[in-house]
Amino acid sequence: MAKHHPCKEGEKLKSSETYDVVGKICRICLEEDENRMISPCSCLGHSKFVHEECLKIWIKVKFTNMDEAKCEVCKEKFQTKISKHVIFKRKKDEPEIVYKNVKLLIIGIIMLVSSMSGLILLILFLDRGRFSMFFGISILIFSPTLVFSTALLIRTIFKMCFEVEHEIILADCETIHCK
């Protein structure tokens, strides 16, 4: 007598029936369970498990908006959240990154020095009673330049010294009982 096969009769396979024989295999890299395996969606059978790291990399590459991250097989949205960590370390010293940052740093310093010099000259001339009618115009010119150059310097220094690392935190459907 032929052995009963659940797929031929339209029955769902129990997830344990499929991976007990073969072992848990990541549906992204097709490797067995060397790292932490999770079940992030409602898929069953061979599509059920993925390495957490494989899925994180796949989500980063595939989706620009984390709210759109979903399984391509069952179309269920992955339950994710993003955690940002600011790390104090220099980024890779790639020549184009260093050149761009140094260029921005020099431009910011030149703008800061020139706007500070302009404000100092304006204050000196105001003390002598000259150019009083141009005071409003001068403030409108030098103040935004001073603010912009300071912001540019702070941003450039931050980009040169700090790196923001994004971490995707995935929910495992087996542990939170997804639908």
C-alpha atoms as a PDB file:
ATOM      1  CA  MET A   1       0.000   0.000   0.000  1.00  0.00           C
ATOM      2  CA  ALA A   2       1.296   3.464  -0.904  1.00  0.00           C
ATOM      3  CA  LYS A   3       2.409   5.707   1.900  1.00  0.00           C
ATOM      4  CA  HIS A   4       0.048   8.588   2.664  1.00  0.00           C
ATOM      5  CA  HIS A   5       1.562  11.933   1.565  1.00  0.00           C
ATOM      6  CA  PRO A   6      -0.119  15.030   3.060  1.00  0.00           C
ATOM      7  CA  CYS A   7       0.722  17.367   0.152  1.00  0.00           C
ATOM      8  CA  LYS A   8      -1.192  15.269  -2.354  1.00  0.00           C
ATOM      9  CA  GLU A   9      -4.332  15.541  -0.293  1.00  0.00           C
ATOM     10  CA  GLY A  10      -4.138  19.321   0.271  1.00  0.00           C
ATOM     11  CA  GLU A  11      -3.174  19.046   3.923  1.00  0.00           C
ATOM     12  CA  LYS A  12      -0.633  21.374   5.466  1.00  0.00           C
ATOM     13  CA  LEU A  13       2.621  19.831   6.540  1.00  0.00           C
ATOM     14  CA  LYS A  14       3.537  20.243  10.139  1.00  0.00           C
ATOM     15  CA  SER A  15       6.746  22.224  10.225  1.00  0.00           C
ATOM     16  CA  SER A  16       8.453  19.583  12.371  1.00  0.00           C
ATOM     17  CA  GLU A  17       7.818  16.874   9.732  1.00  0.00           C
ATOM     18  CA  THR A  18       9.901  18.664   7.112  1.00  0.00           C
ATOM     19  CA  TYR A  19      13.052  19.659   8.932  1.00  0.00           C
ATOM     20  CA  ASP A  20      13.421  16.627  11.179  1.00  0.00           C
ATOM     21  CA  VAL A  21      14.694  14.581   8.250  1.00  0.00           C
ATOM     22  CA  VAL A  22      16.913  17.194   6.594  1.00  0.00           C
ATOM     23  CA  GLY A  23      17.681  19.594   9.452  1.00  0.00           C
ATOM     24  CA  LYS A  24      16.984  23.296   9.606  1.00  0.00           C
ATOM     25  CA  ILE A  25      18.189  24.961   6.408  1.00  0.00           C
ATOM     26  CA  CYS A  26      18.335  28.718   5.881  1.00  0.00           C
ATOM     27  CA  ARG A  27      16.195  29.636   2.872  1.00  0.00           C
ATOM     28  CA  ILE A  28      18.546  32.524   2.020  1.00  0.00           C
ATOM     29  CA  CYS A  29      22.046  30.993   2.145  1.00  0.00           C
ATOM     30  CA  LEU A  30      20.892  27.340   2.028  1.00  0.00           C
ATOM     31  CA  GLU A  31      23.262  26.397   4.863  1.00  0.00           C
ATOM     32  CA  GLU A  32      22.365  24.321   7.909  1.00  0.00           C
ATOM     33  CA  ASP A  33      22.005  25.741  11.396  1.00  0.00           C
ATOM     34  CA  GLU A  34      25.483  27.068  12.192  1.00  0.00           C
ATOM     35  CA  ASN A  35      24.119  30.345  13.542  1.00  0.00           C
ATOM     36  CA  ARG A  36      20.862  31.333  15.220  1.00  0.00           C
ATOM     37  CA  MET A  37      17.875  30.255  13.117  1.00  0.00           C
ATOM     38  CA  ILE A  38      14.562  32.078  13.391  1.00  0.00           C
ATOM     39  CA  SER A  39      11.131  31.711  11.882  1.00  0.00           C
ATOM     40  CA  PRO A  40      10.175  35.326  11.041  1.00  0.00           C
ATOM     41  CA  CYS A  41       6.894  34.671   9.203  1.00  0.00           C
ATOM     42  CA  SER A  42       4.122  32.119   8.645  1.00  0.00           C
ATOM     43  CA  CYS A  43       5.995  30.021   6.083  1.00  0.00           C
ATOM     44  CA  LEU A  44       6.130  26.285   6.697  1.00  0.00           C
ATOM     45  CA  GLY A  45       8.424  23.508   5.590  1.00  0.00           C
ATOM     46  CA  HIS A  46      11.775  24.308   3.987  1.00  0.00           C
ATOM     47  CA  SER A  47      10.919  28.028   3.781  1.00  0.00           C
ATOM     48  CA  LYS A  48      10.292  28.369   7.499  1.00  0.00           C
ATOM     49  CA  PHE A  49      13.793  29.014   8.829  1.00  0.00           C
ATOM     50  CA  VAL A  50      16.437  31.636   8.116  1.00  0.00           C
ATOM     51  CA  HIS A  51      19.616  32.668   9.853  1.00  0.00           C
ATOM     52  CA  GLU A  52      18.950  35.886  11.713  1.00  0.00           C
ATOM     53  CA  GLU A  53      22.052  37.507  10.165  1.00  0.00           C
ATOM     54  CA  CYS A  54      21.107  36.389   6.631  1.00  0.00           C
ATOM     55  CA  LEU A  55      17.649  37.920   7.028  1.00  0.00           C
ATOM     56  CA  LYS A  56      19.060  41.190   8.406  1.00  0.00           C
ATOM     57  CA  ILE A  57      21.395  41.529   5.426  1.00  0.00           C
ATOM     58  CA  TRP A  58      18.628  40.615   2.973  1.00  0.00           C
ATOM     59  CA  ILE A  59      16.251  43.193   4.513  1.00  0.00           C
ATOM     60  CA  LYS A  60      18.915  45.934   4.368  1.00  0.00           C
ATOM     61  CA  VAL A  61      19.581  45.193   0.685  1.00  0.00           C
ATOM     62  CA  LYS A  62      15.995  44.605  -0.443  1.00  0.00           C
ATOM     63  CA  PHE A  63      13.989  47.280   1.407  1.00  0.00           C
ATOM     64  CA  THR A  64      14.679  50.995   1.679  1.00  0.00           C
ATOM     65  CA  ASN A  65      11.761  51.473   4.065  1.00  0.00           C
ATOM     66  CA  MET A  66      11.693  49.080   7.024  1.00  0.00           C
ATOM     67  CA  ASP A  67       7.882  49.283   7.188  1.00  0.00           C
ATOM     68  CA  GLU A  68       7.746  47.494   3.814  1.00  0.00           C
ATOM     69  CA  ALA A  69       9.892  44.520   4.900  1.00  0.00           C
ATOM     70  CA  LYS A  70       7.878  41.371   4.208  1.00  0.00           C
ATOM     71  CA  CYS A  71       8.317  37.746   3.261  1.00  0.00           C
ATOM     72  CA  GLU A  72       8.418  37.185  -0.497  1.00  0.00           C
ATOM     73  CA  VAL A  73       6.777  33.776  -0.105  1.00  0.00           C
ATOM     74  CA  CYS A  74       3.826  34.323   2.264  1.00  0.00           C
ATOM     75  CA  LYS A  75       3.764  38.178   1.992  1.00  0.00           C
ATOM     76  CA  GLU A  76       3.593  38.549   5.787  1.00  0.00           C
ATOM     77  CA  LYS A  77       5.301  41.664   7.146  1.00  0.00           C
ATOM     78  CA  PHE A  78       8.333  41.030   9.285  1.00  0.00           C
ATOM     79  CA  GLN A  79       8.082  42.400  12.786  1.00  0.00           C
ATOM     80  CA  THR A  80      11.163  44.603  12.919  1.00  0.00           C
ATOM     81  CA  LYS A  81      12.444  47.645  14.707  1.00  0.00           C
ATOM     82  CA  ILE A  82      15.644  49.602  14.245  1.00  0.00           C
ATOM     83  CA  SER A  83      18.053  50.437  17.014  1.00  0.00           C
ATOM     84  CA  LYS A  84      20.667  53.121  16.338  1.00  0.00           C
ATOM     85  CA  HIS A  85      24.007  53.101  18.104  1.00  0.00           C
ATOM     86  CA  VAL A  86      26.475  55.980  17.875  1.00  0.00           C
ATOM     87  CA  ILE A  87      29.990  54.626  17.981  1.00  0.00           C
ATOM     88  CA  PHE A  88      33.053  56.791  18.525  1.00  0.00           C
ATOM     89  CA  LYS A  89      35.435  55.512  15.906  1.00  0.00           C
ATOM     90  CA  ARG A  90      36.897  56.722  12.680  1.00  0.00           C
ATOM     91  CA  LYS A  91      35.310  55.566   9.490  1.00  0.00           C
ATOM     92  CA  LYS A  92      37.343  53.758   6.885  1.00  0.00           C
ATOM     93  CA  ASP A  93      40.068  55.986   5.525  1.00  0.00           C
ATOM     94  CA  GLU A  94      38.948  55.783   1.918  1.00  0.00           C
ATOM     95  CA  PRO A  95      40.618  58.590  -0.084  1.00  0.00           C
ATOM     96  CA  GLU A  96      37.394  60.070  -1.475  1.00  0.00           C
ATOM     97  CA  ILE A  97      35.752  60.179   1.980  1.00  0.00           C
ATOM     98  CA  VAL A  98      38.814  61.815   3.561  1.00  0.00           C
ATOM     99  CA  TYR A  99      39.088  64.316   0.673  1.00  0.00           C
ATOM    100  CA  LYS A 100      35.395  65.240   0.899  1.00  0.00           C
ATOM    101  CA  ASN A 101      35.521  65.695   4.688  1.00  0.00           C
ATOM    102  CA  VAL A 102      38.741  67.750   4.583  1.00  0.00           C
ATOM    103  CA  LYS A 103      37.260  69.928   1.837  1.00  0.00           C
ATOM    104  CA  LEU A 104      34.105  70.543   3.912  1.00  0.00           C
ATOM    105  CA  LEU A 105      36.213  71.240   6.997  1.00  0.00           C
ATOM    106  CA  ILE A 106      38.310  73.853   5.150  1.00  0.00           C
ATOM    107  CA  ILE A 107      35.209  75.519   3.669  1.00  0.00           C
ATOM    108  CA  GLY A 108      33.585  75.612   7.112  1.00  0.00           C
ATOM    109  CA  ILE A 109      36.679  77.139   8.734  1.00  0.00           C
ATOM    110  CA  ILE A 110      36.965  79.795   5.992  1.00  0.00           C
ATOM    111  CA  MET A 111      33.268  80.679   6.351  1.00  0.00           C
ATOM    112  CA  LEU A 112      33.522  80.818  10.144  1.00  0.00           C
ATOM    113  CA  VAL A 113      36.642  83.009  10.116  1.00  0.00           C
ATOM    114  CA  SER A 114      35.236  85.373   7.469  1.00  0.00           C
ATOM    115  CA  SER A 115      31.867  85.795   9.184  1.00  0.00           C
ATOM    116  CA  MET A 116      33.541  86.293  12.597  1.00  0.00           C
ATOM    117  CA  SER A 117      35.881  88.881  11.034  1.00  0.00           C
ATOM    118  CA  GLY A 118      32.924  90.657   9.467  1.00  0.00           C
ATOM    119  CA  LEU A 119      31.054  90.792  12.769  1.00  0.00           C
ATOM    120  CA  ILE A 120      34.148  92.060  14.613  1.00  0.00           C
ATOM    121  CA  LEU A 121      34.675  94.797  11.995  1.00  0.00           C
ATOM    122  CA  LEU A 122      30.986  95.693  12.201  1.00  0.00           C
ATOM    123  CA  ILE A 123      31.184  96.055  15.988  1.00  0.00           C
ATOM    124  CA  LEU A 124      34.368  98.179  15.723  1.00  0.00           C
ATOM    125  CA  PHE A 125      32.767 100.518  13.184  1.00  0.00           C
ATOM    126  CA  LEU A 126      29.582 100.785  15.263  1.00  0.00           C
ATOM    127  CA  ASP A 127      31.637 101.870  18.269  1.00  0.00           C
ATOM    128  CA  ARG A 128      33.009 104.764  16.225  1.00  0.00           C
ATOM    129  CA  GLY A 129      29.525 105.818  15.107  1.00  0.00           C
ATOM    130  CA  ARG A 130      30.016 104.955  11.430  1.00  0.00           C
ATOM    131  CA  PHE A 131      27.810 102.754   9.246  1.00  0.00           C
ATOM    132  CA  SER A 132      24.935 102.761  11.749  1.00  0.00           C
ATOM    133  CA  MET A 133      22.343 102.672   8.955  1.00  0.00           C
ATOM    134  CA  PHE A 134      23.888  99.478   7.570  1.00  0.00           C
ATOM    135  CA  PHE A 135      23.690  97.676  10.909  1.00  0.00           C
ATOM    136  CA  GLY A 136      20.469  95.766  10.068  1.00  0.00           C
ATOM    137  CA  ILE A 137      21.728  94.733   6.653  1.00  0.00           C
ATOM    138  CA  SER A 138      25.083  93.635   8.082  1.00  0.00           C
ATOM    139  CA  ILE A 139      23.436  91.536  10.780  1.00  0.00           C
ATOM    140  CA  LEU A 140      21.238  89.896   8.110  1.00  0.00           C
ATOM    141  CA  ILE A 141      24.346  89.012   6.106  1.00  0.00           C
ATOM    142  CA  PHE A 142      26.787  87.889   8.805  1.00  0.00           C
ATOM    143  CA  SER A 143      24.523  86.113  11.313  1.00  0.00           C
ATOM    144  CA  PRO A 144      23.144  83.386   9.005  1.00  0.00           C
ATOM    145  CA  THR A 145      26.640  82.854   7.596  1.00  0.00           C
ATOM    146  CA  LEU A 146      28.003  82.435  11.113  1.00  0.00           C
ATOM    147  CA  VAL A 147      25.257  79.967  12.054  1.00  0.00           C
ATOM    148  CA  PHE A 148      25.628  78.001   8.802  1.00  0.00           C
ATOM    149  CA  SER A 149      29.414  77.774   9.021  1.00  0.00           C
ATOM    150  CA  THR A 150      29.249  76.641  12.658  1.00  0.00           C
ATOM    151  CA  ALA A 151      26.670  73.972  11.771  1.00  0.00           C
ATOM    152  CA  LEU A 152      28.797  72.825   8.818  1.00  0.00           C
ATOM    153  CA  LEU A 153      31.871  72.502  11.034  1.00  0.00           C
ATOM    154  CA  ILE A 154      30.013  70.535  13.707  1.00  0.00           C
ATOM    155  CA  ARG A 155      28.458  68.212  11.107  1.00  0.00           C
ATOM    156  CA  THR A 156      31.793  67.592   9.383  1.00  0.00           C
ATOM    157  CA  ILE A 157      33.607  66.879  12.647  1.00  0.00           C
ATOM    158  CA  PHE A 158      30.787  64.520  13.681  1.00  0.00           C
ATOM    159  CA  LYS A 159      30.982  62.652  10.357  1.00  0.00           C
ATOM    160  CA  MET A 160      34.763  62.338  10.655  1.00  0.00           C
ATOM    161  CA  CYS A 161      34.747  61.032  14.231  1.00  0.00           C
ATOM    162  CA  PHE A 162      31.494  59.143  14.737  1.00  0.00           C
ATOM    163  CA  GLU A 163      29.739  56.364  12.915  1.00  0.00           C
ATOM    164  CA  VAL A 164      26.032  55.650  13.306  1.00  0.00           C
ATOM    165  CA  GLU A 165      25.404  51.924  13.237  1.00  0.00           C
ATOM    166  CA  HIS A 166      21.898  50.681  12.472  1.00  0.00           C
ATOM    167  CA  GLU A 167      20.824  47.371  13.917  1.00  0.00           C
ATOM    168  CA  ILE A 168      17.712  45.557  12.740  1.00  0.00           C
ATOM    169  CA  ILE A 169      15.942  43.709  15.530  1.00  0.00           C
ATOM    170  CA  LEU A 170      13.770  40.859  14.239  1.00  0.00           C
ATOM    171  CA  ALA A 171      10.933  39.090  15.980  1.00  0.00           C
ATOM    172  CA  ASP A 172      10.896  35.306  15.820  1.00  0.00           C
ATOM    173  CA  CYS A 173       7.382  34.089  14.999  1.00  0.00           C
ATOM    174  CA  GLU A 174       7.958  30.866  16.906  1.00  0.00           C
ATOM    175  CA  THR A 175       8.520  32.733  20.160  1.00  0.00           C
ATOM    176  CA  ILE A 176       5.834  35.418  19.706  1.00  0.00           C
ATOM    177  CA  HIS A 177       3.229  33.161  18.035  1.00  0.00           C
ATOM    178  CA  CYS A 178       2.666  34.997  14.743  1.00  0.00           C
ATOM    179  CA  LYS A 179      -0.467  34.365  12.728  1.00  0.00           C
END
